[in-house]
Protein backbone atom coordinates (compact mmCIF):
# COMPACT_ATOMS: atom_id res chain seq x y z
CA MET A 1 -35.95 -84.51 2.64
CA ALA A 2 -32.41 -83.73 3.85
CA THR A 3 -31.43 -84.86 7.32
CA ARG A 4 -30.91 -82.01 9.87
CA GLY A 5 -27.25 -81.09 10.21
CA ARG A 6 -26.25 -82.22 6.70
CA LEU A 7 -25.69 -80.10 3.60
CA PRO A 8 -28.50 -80.29 1.07
CA TYR A 9 -27.83 -82.40 -1.98
CA ARG A 10 -26.81 -80.47 -5.13
CA PRO A 11 -26.26 -82.03 -8.54
CA ALA A 12 -22.60 -82.15 -9.59
CA ARG A 13 -23.32 -79.93 -12.62
CA THR A 14 -24.75 -77.15 -10.39
CA VAL A 15 -21.72 -77.18 -8.05
CA ALA A 16 -19.32 -77.08 -10.99
CA LEU A 17 -21.17 -74.08 -12.46
CA LEU A 18 -20.98 -72.12 -9.18
CA LEU A 19 -17.27 -72.86 -8.85
CA GLY A 20 -16.70 -71.74 -12.42
CA LEU A 21 -18.43 -68.39 -11.82
CA THR A 22 -16.38 -67.76 -8.70
CA THR A 23 -13.14 -68.56 -10.47
CA CYS A 24 -13.89 -66.20 -13.38
CA TRP A 25 -15.02 -63.28 -11.13
CA ALA A 26 -11.89 -63.15 -8.97
CA PRO A 27 -9.37 -62.43 -11.76
CA ALA A 28 -11.69 -59.80 -13.29
CA GLN A 29 -11.80 -57.88 -10.01
CA ALA A 30 -8.06 -58.25 -9.53
CA GLY A 31 -7.44 -56.56 -12.90
CA ILE A 32 -9.36 -53.39 -12.00
CA GLN A 33 -7.69 -50.39 -10.34
CA SER A 34 -8.92 -49.62 -6.83
CA LEU A 35 -10.72 -46.26 -6.81
CA GLU A 36 -9.92 -45.78 -3.13
CA ALA A 37 -6.23 -46.20 -3.94
CA ILE A 38 -6.57 -43.43 -6.54
CA ARG A 39 -8.26 -41.09 -4.05
CA ALA A 40 -5.67 -41.87 -1.35
CA SER A 41 -2.81 -41.20 -3.80
CA VAL A 42 -4.33 -37.84 -4.79
CA GLU A 43 -4.76 -36.79 -1.16
CA ARG A 44 -1.17 -37.70 -0.25
CA TYR A 45 0.09 -35.76 -3.28
CA VAL A 46 -1.88 -32.62 -2.37
CA ARG A 47 -0.73 -32.64 1.26
CA THR A 48 2.91 -33.00 0.20
CA GLU A 49 3.03 -30.88 -2.96
CA PHE A 50 1.04 -27.91 -1.64
CA SER A 51 2.46 -27.77 1.89
CA ALA A 52 4.79 -24.90 0.93
CA LEU A 53 1.75 -22.67 0.27
CA GLY A 54 0.54 -22.86 3.87
CA GLU A 55 -0.80 -25.25 6.44
CA ILE A 56 -3.14 -27.65 4.65
CA SER A 57 -6.12 -27.91 6.98
CA ALA A 58 -8.35 -30.15 4.84
CA VAL A 59 -8.30 -32.03 1.54
CA GLU A 60 -11.62 -33.21 0.12
CA VAL A 61 -11.20 -35.60 -2.81
CA SER A 62 -14.40 -36.07 -4.80
CA ALA A 63 -15.93 -39.54 -4.81
CA LEU A 64 -15.28 -41.42 -8.04
CA ASP A 65 -18.03 -43.10 -10.04
CA PRO A 66 -18.12 -46.73 -8.85
CA ARG A 67 -18.85 -47.80 -12.43
CA LEU A 68 -15.40 -46.55 -13.47
CA GLN A 69 -13.21 -49.52 -14.35
CA LEU A 70 -9.57 -48.74 -15.05
CA ALA A 71 -6.88 -51.33 -15.63
CA ALA A 72 -4.95 -52.11 -12.45
CA CYS A 73 -1.63 -50.28 -12.61
CA GLU A 74 1.41 -52.47 -12.07
CA GLN A 75 3.51 -49.33 -11.42
CA PRO A 76 3.12 -46.63 -8.73
CA LEU A 77 0.38 -44.14 -9.58
CA GLU A 78 1.62 -40.71 -10.73
CA PRO A 79 -0.42 -37.72 -9.49
CA PHE A 80 0.33 -34.33 -11.10
CA THR A 81 -0.94 -30.75 -11.20
CA PRO A 82 -2.32 -29.81 -14.65
CA ALA A 83 -0.92 -26.62 -16.17
CA GLY A 84 -2.84 -23.47 -15.28
CA GLN A 85 -4.60 -25.01 -12.29
CA ARG A 86 -5.39 -22.97 -9.19
CA ARG A 87 -3.19 -24.18 -6.39
CA LEU A 88 -5.74 -23.86 -3.58
CA GLY A 89 -9.49 -23.92 -3.21
CA HIS A 90 -11.37 -25.86 -5.88
CA ALA A 91 -8.85 -27.55 -8.16
CA THR A 92 -8.33 -30.58 -10.36
CA ILE A 93 -5.50 -33.03 -9.83
CA GLY A 94 -4.42 -35.40 -12.57
CA ILE A 95 -3.32 -38.97 -11.91
CA ARG A 96 -1.95 -41.40 -14.46
CA CYS A 97 -0.71 -44.93 -14.92
CA SER A 98 2.29 -45.45 -17.21
CA GLY A 99 2.08 -49.23 -17.26
CA GLU A 100 1.30 -51.59 -20.10
CA ARG A 101 -2.32 -50.38 -20.15
CA PRO A 102 -1.83 -46.64 -19.50
CA TRP A 103 -4.63 -44.27 -18.48
CA THR A 104 -5.04 -40.74 -17.14
CA LEU A 105 -7.76 -39.48 -14.83
CA TYR A 106 -8.62 -35.99 -13.53
CA VAL A 107 -10.00 -35.80 -10.00
CA PRO A 108 -11.76 -32.70 -8.53
CA VAL A 109 -10.50 -31.72 -5.08
CA ARG A 110 -11.07 -28.95 -2.57
CA ILE A 111 -7.98 -27.78 -0.72
CA GLU A 112 -8.30 -25.70 2.44
CA SER A 113 -5.15 -23.99 3.62
CA THR A 114 -4.63 -21.48 6.40
CA VAL A 115 -2.10 -18.76 5.58
CA LYS A 116 -1.09 -15.49 7.22
CA ILE A 117 -2.32 -12.77 4.85
CA MET A 118 -2.30 -8.97 4.95
CA THR A 119 -5.44 -6.92 5.69
CA ALA A 120 -6.20 -3.24 6.31
CA ALA A 121 -5.59 -2.30 9.95
CA ARG A 122 -8.11 0.53 9.66
CA ALA A 123 -10.21 2.38 7.09
CA LEU A 124 -7.82 3.72 4.46
CA PRO A 125 -8.56 6.34 1.79
CA ARG A 126 -7.86 6.10 -1.91
CA GLY A 127 -4.36 7.28 -2.77
CA LYS A 128 -2.90 6.35 0.63
CA ILE A 129 0.74 5.30 0.54
CA LEU A 130 0.81 2.23 2.75
CA THR A 131 3.02 2.05 5.83
CA PRO A 132 3.54 -0.91 8.20
CA ASP A 133 0.99 0.65 10.62
CA ASP A 134 -1.71 0.42 7.92
CA ILE A 135 -1.29 -3.35 7.53
CA LYS A 136 -2.54 -6.10 9.84
CA PRO A 137 -1.65 -9.80 9.34
CA VAL A 138 -4.41 -12.35 9.99
CA VAL A 139 -4.75 -16.11 9.45
CA ARG A 140 -7.38 -17.07 6.87
CA ASP A 141 -8.46 -19.99 4.70
CA VAL A 142 -7.17 -18.79 1.34
CA ALA A 143 -9.48 -21.14 -0.55
CA ALA A 144 -12.16 -18.48 -0.06
CA LEU A 145 -10.00 -15.67 -1.51
CA PRO A 146 -10.41 -15.73 -5.30
CA TYR A 147 -8.87 -12.31 -5.97
CA GLY A 148 -5.39 -12.89 -4.57
CA TYR A 149 -3.64 -11.74 -1.41
CA PHE A 150 -0.28 -10.73 0.04
CA THR A 151 1.68 -12.75 2.60
CA SER A 152 4.27 -10.07 3.37
CA ALA A 153 3.84 -6.52 4.66
CA ASP A 154 7.20 -5.58 3.11
CA ILE A 155 5.80 -6.00 -0.40
CA LEU A 156 2.85 -3.71 0.38
CA THR A 157 4.78 -1.00 2.19
CA GLY A 158 5.17 2.01 -0.08
CA GLN A 159 2.39 0.92 -2.45
CA LYS A 160 -0.45 3.30 -3.27
CA LEU A 161 -4.10 2.37 -2.78
CA LYS A 162 -6.19 2.60 -5.95
CA ARG A 163 -9.43 2.78 -3.94
CA ALA A 164 -10.68 3.23 -0.40
CA VAL A 165 -10.42 0.15 1.84
CA ARG A 166 -12.57 -0.95 4.78
CA PRO A 167 -11.08 -2.06 8.14
CA GLY A 168 -10.14 -5.74 8.01
CA GLU A 169 -10.48 -5.96 4.22
CA VAL A 170 -8.02 -8.31 2.53
CA LEU A 171 -5.45 -6.35 0.53
CA SER A 172 -5.25 -7.84 -2.97
CA PRO A 173 -2.98 -7.05 -5.93
CA THR A 174 -5.85 -5.29 -7.75
CA MET A 175 -6.11 -2.70 -4.95
CA VAL A 176 -2.59 -1.30 -5.10
CA ALA A 177 -0.13 0.22 -7.52
CA PRO A 178 3.48 1.35 -7.18
CA ALA A 179 3.68 4.73 -5.49
CA PRO A 180 4.79 7.53 -7.82
CA LEU A 181 8.36 8.75 -7.47
CA VAL A 182 7.48 11.85 -9.48
CA GLU A 183 4.25 13.88 -9.30
CA ARG A 184 2.65 16.12 -11.91
CA GLY A 185 3.98 19.68 -11.64
CA GLN A 186 7.08 18.60 -9.68
CA ILE A 187 10.45 20.08 -10.61
CA VAL A 188 12.71 17.15 -11.53
CA TRP A 189 16.18 16.50 -12.81
CA ILE A 190 16.37 15.25 -16.40
CA ALA A 191 19.40 13.05 -17.05
CA THR A 192 20.70 12.51 -20.58
CA LYS A 193 24.00 12.09 -22.40
CA ALA A 194 25.77 14.50 -24.73
CA SER A 195 29.07 13.50 -26.42
CA GLY A 196 29.30 10.51 -24.10
CA ILE A 197 28.98 12.65 -20.96
CA GLU A 198 25.97 12.52 -18.64
CA VAL A 199 24.22 15.85 -18.43
CA ARG A 200 21.45 16.90 -16.03
CA MET A 201 19.02 19.74 -16.43
CA GLN A 202 15.88 20.82 -14.62
CA GLY A 203 12.44 20.12 -15.93
CA GLU A 204 8.80 19.95 -14.95
CA ALA A 205 6.93 16.63 -14.71
CA LEU A 206 3.72 16.72 -16.74
CA ALA A 207 2.31 13.54 -15.12
CA ASP A 208 2.71 11.28 -12.11
CA GLY A 209 5.16 8.44 -12.62
CA ALA A 210 6.28 5.32 -10.72
CA ALA A 211 9.65 3.66 -11.16
CA GLY A 212 10.11 2.43 -14.73
CA GLU A 213 7.18 4.38 -16.16
CA ARG A 214 7.61 6.83 -19.03
CA ILE A 215 6.18 10.33 -18.64
CA ASN A 216 6.41 13.63 -20.45
CA VAL A 217 8.61 16.35 -18.91
CA ARG A 218 9.23 19.93 -19.99
CA ASN A 219 12.80 21.14 -20.18
CA LEU A 220 12.74 24.45 -18.26
CA SER A 221 15.56 25.91 -20.34
CA SER A 222 14.45 25.05 -23.88
CA ARG A 223 10.73 24.55 -23.06
CA ARG A 224 10.85 21.39 -25.16
CA ILE A 225 8.68 18.45 -24.08
CA LEU A 226 10.59 15.18 -23.75
CA GLU A 227 9.61 11.61 -22.95
CA ALA A 228 11.63 10.28 -20.02
CA GLU A 229 11.72 7.24 -17.75
CA VAL A 230 11.27 7.65 -14.01
CA VAL A 231 14.34 6.21 -12.25
CA ASP A 232 14.25 7.70 -8.74
CA ASN A 233 12.64 10.33 -6.54
CA GLY A 234 12.68 13.53 -8.60
CA LEU A 235 14.89 11.98 -11.30
CA VAL A 236 13.98 11.01 -14.86
CA GLN A 237 16.15 9.82 -17.71
CA VAL A 238 15.91 10.49 -21.42
CA PRO A 239 16.98 7.34 -23.31
CA TRP A 240 20.43 7.56 -24.86
């Protein structure tokens, strides 16, 4: 029996075996990349890279499988945004090691960002040409807005609603279209060139048209129907 206060006796072979196991385990662990370092690198990248899109309020980096064993990277880790990725909300961030034992990993993240976006100040009917009074800016988490949004009232002003909108509804690109500069039945000027000289004649628009669109117009003198491009209010141009 061992005396109280002394270490128990162990055969020399047993002690040597324990020391050998400890020595072999330490280098193996040292050669494996820290998963927490990967997650921290991804979070830092998101907060820096995406800051221009709005105030980043939260970044949730998914936990990595503890069984994952990647070679320890002797160079700084390189996070990147894969092509075609959504920039906010649920996304995937890539991270790679370009060292002697290279690897690449894709990490799911959730990015919450508060941005000032444009909403309807009141109920608006279909076909309404938007004015600054129709638009109300609010601060929202854009991660919950999958259909797009506007951050400037200037871009929306003058656009035409394609459907009715409820008060407070987020105005998205699918809801609006360029307002027509020419309306069906309107008397317009048709610009063309003859012998190198610009000539204008009156015509009738046979369809609505926004800037850059091509519509049919009827020449009021010859009654011929021409295809022309809308270039301004009440003005279309026949290609020359």
